[in-house]
Protein backbone atom coordinates (compact mmCIF):
# COMPACT_ATOMS: atom_id res chain seq x y z
CA MET A 1 -32.59 -68.90 20.44
CA ILE A 2 -35.56 -67.83 22.34
CA GLY A 3 -37.63 -70.71 24.05
CA LEU A 4 -41.05 -70.21 24.39
CA ASP A 5 -43.62 -72.08 26.85
CA SER A 6 -47.60 -72.77 26.14
CA SER A 7 -48.40 -70.75 29.29
CA ALA A 8 -46.03 -67.97 27.28
CA LEU A 9 -47.76 -67.94 24.28
CA LEU A 10 -51.18 -68.13 25.65
CA ARG A 11 -50.38 -64.84 27.77
CA TYR A 12 -49.57 -63.09 24.72
CA LEU A 13 -52.49 -64.30 22.27
CA LEU A 14 -54.92 -63.73 25.31
CA THR A 15 -53.40 -60.12 26.67
CA ASP A 16 -54.78 -61.39 30.49
CA ASP A 17 -50.95 -60.61 31.64
CA ARG A 18 -50.20 -57.18 30.37
CA ALA A 19 -46.20 -57.61 31.51
CA MET A 20 -45.89 -61.37 30.02
CA ALA A 21 -47.64 -60.21 26.68
CA ASP A 22 -45.64 -57.89 26.43
CA ARG A 23 -42.38 -59.84 26.52
CA VAL A 24 -43.26 -61.71 24.44
CA ASP A 25 -44.07 -59.02 21.79
CA VAL A 26 -40.81 -57.66 22.25
CA ALA A 27 -39.23 -61.34 21.96
CA LEU A 28 -40.93 -61.40 18.53
CA SER A 29 -40.18 -57.51 18.03
CA GLY A 30 -36.31 -58.55 18.24
CA SER A 31 -34.02 -60.28 15.49
CA GLU A 32 -32.79 -63.43 17.67
CA PRO A 33 -34.95 -66.77 16.61
CA VAL A 34 -37.97 -66.97 19.46
CA GLY A 35 -37.92 -71.24 18.58
CA ILE A 36 -41.39 -73.04 19.90
CA SER A 37 -42.28 -76.74 19.78
CA THR A 38 -45.51 -78.88 18.01
CA PRO A 39 -46.29 -79.85 21.67
CA VAL A 40 -46.18 -76.38 22.94
CA LEU A 41 -48.94 -74.94 19.74
CA LEU A 42 -51.00 -78.44 20.36
CA GLU A 43 -50.85 -77.56 24.38
CA VAL A 44 -52.31 -73.72 23.44
CA VAL A 45 -54.91 -75.04 21.30
CA HIS A 46 -56.25 -77.41 23.62
CA VAL A 47 -56.46 -74.67 26.39
CA LEU A 48 -57.88 -72.39 24.05
CA ARG A 49 -60.62 -74.04 23.09
CA GLY A 50 -61.81 -75.53 26.76
CA ALA A 51 -64.52 -74.80 28.54
CA SER A 52 -62.56 -71.35 30.29
CA TYR A 53 -61.86 -69.60 26.74
CA ARG A 54 -64.00 -71.90 23.93
CA ARG A 55 -62.18 -69.99 21.16
CA GLU A 56 -63.79 -71.97 18.19
CA ASN A 57 -62.25 -71.82 14.32
CA PRO A 58 -61.56 -69.82 11.81
CA THR A 59 -60.70 -67.51 15.09
CA LEU A 60 -58.17 -69.81 17.13
CA ALA A 61 -56.36 -71.40 13.56
CA ASP A 62 -55.96 -67.89 12.81
CA ALA A 63 -54.52 -67.00 15.90
CA ILE A 64 -52.28 -69.79 15.16
CA ILE A 65 -51.39 -69.32 11.79
CA ASP A 66 -50.57 -65.38 12.74
CA PHE A 67 -47.67 -66.48 15.27
CA ILE A 68 -46.25 -69.03 13.36
CA GLY A 69 -45.84 -66.21 10.40
CA HIS A 70 -43.92 -64.22 12.34
CA GLN A 71 -40.86 -63.37 10.83
CA ASN A 72 -38.28 -64.90 13.84
CA VAL A 73 -40.54 -67.77 14.83
CA VAL A 74 -39.16 -71.26 14.19
CA LEU A 75 -40.53 -74.15 15.05
CA THR A 76 -38.55 -76.37 16.37
CA ASP A 77 -39.72 -80.23 14.76
CA LEU A 78 -41.79 -78.92 12.06
CA ASP A 79 -41.86 -76.69 9.31
CA ALA A 80 -43.92 -73.78 9.84
CA ASP A 81 -45.12 -73.33 5.80
CA LEU A 82 -45.98 -76.87 6.21
CA ALA A 83 -47.63 -76.51 9.74
CA ALA A 84 -49.29 -73.14 8.36
CA ALA A 85 -50.56 -74.92 5.52
CA ALA A 86 -51.63 -78.05 7.41
CA VAL A 87 -53.67 -75.59 10.52
CA THR A 88 -55.36 -73.64 6.96
CA ALA A 89 -56.46 -77.08 5.68
CA VAL A 90 -58.81 -77.83 8.80
CA ARG A 91 -59.47 -73.70 9.82
CA HIS A 92 -63.14 -73.92 8.95
CA LEU A 93 -63.46 -77.55 11.06
CA SER A 94 -63.61 -77.77 14.96
CA PRO A 95 -60.79 -76.53 16.94
CA ARG A 96 -60.24 -79.95 17.61
CA HIS A 97 -58.79 -80.74 14.16
CA ILE A 98 -55.97 -78.11 14.41
CA ALA A 99 -53.93 -80.83 16.59
CA ASP A 100 -54.83 -83.57 13.76
CA ALA A 101 -53.13 -81.39 10.98
CA LEU A 102 -50.02 -80.02 12.93
CA ILE A 103 -49.82 -84.67 13.86
CA SER A 104 -50.16 -85.15 10.26
CA ALA A 105 -47.95 -82.28 9.65
CA ALA A 106 -45.23 -83.43 11.21
CA ALA A 107 -45.97 -87.18 10.62
CA ARG A 108 -45.40 -86.12 6.81
CA GLN A 109 -42.36 -83.95 7.43
CA ALA A 110 -40.98 -87.07 8.89
CA GLY A 111 -41.57 -89.52 5.86
CA ALA A 112 -44.60 -91.48 7.23
CA ARG A 113 -45.78 -93.25 3.99
CA GLN A 114 -49.42 -93.18 6.39
CA LEU A 115 -50.51 -92.38 9.97
CA LEU A 116 -52.36 -94.82 11.96
CA THR A 117 -55.23 -93.98 14.07
CA ALA A 118 -58.21 -94.99 16.24
CA ASP A 119 -59.81 -91.34 15.94
CA GLN A 120 -62.85 -91.79 13.49
CA THR A 121 -62.51 -87.79 12.79
CA PHE A 122 -58.74 -87.31 12.03
CA ALA A 123 -57.98 -84.86 9.75
CA SER A 124 -55.20 -84.85 7.90
CA GLN A 125 -54.31 -84.69 4.32
CA LEU A 126 -51.01 -84.70 3.93
CA VAL A 127 -50.98 -88.49 5.01
CA PRO A 128 -52.76 -91.40 4.00
CA VAL A 129 -54.78 -91.94 7.44
CA VAL A 130 -55.43 -95.98 8.36
CA GLN A 131 -58.05 -95.82 10.65
CA VAL A 132 -57.42 -98.94 13.45
CA GLY A 133 -59.11 -100.39 16.71
CA ASP A 134 -62.57 -101.76 17.12
């Protein structure tokens, strides 16, 4: 397996460093699995929706769904179909909800019966959300 860090994935998605983007593309075109973790996806979403790039949904959601849909991409800690379904469900919302979707997908895969959060706008259709805090 080839592991992929958020900086490499960002270069691939943004094609702002052609050499790195090409290297990731070669890995994605190969037969060896390319492993990526949920934290890497979350960091990429955080960076792309930030002030420097200001990516909006559904463009950002589609980029994540397309990437994890590559035949040899393996999510190391989450089922790719579950992750794609979760992101698709929040595609029409703010990009910050992509992180919520991935968190709720990971909770569901782990067998959580509910998800505790202080985020009043947490987006989860996979695990019942329980609000905590003030």
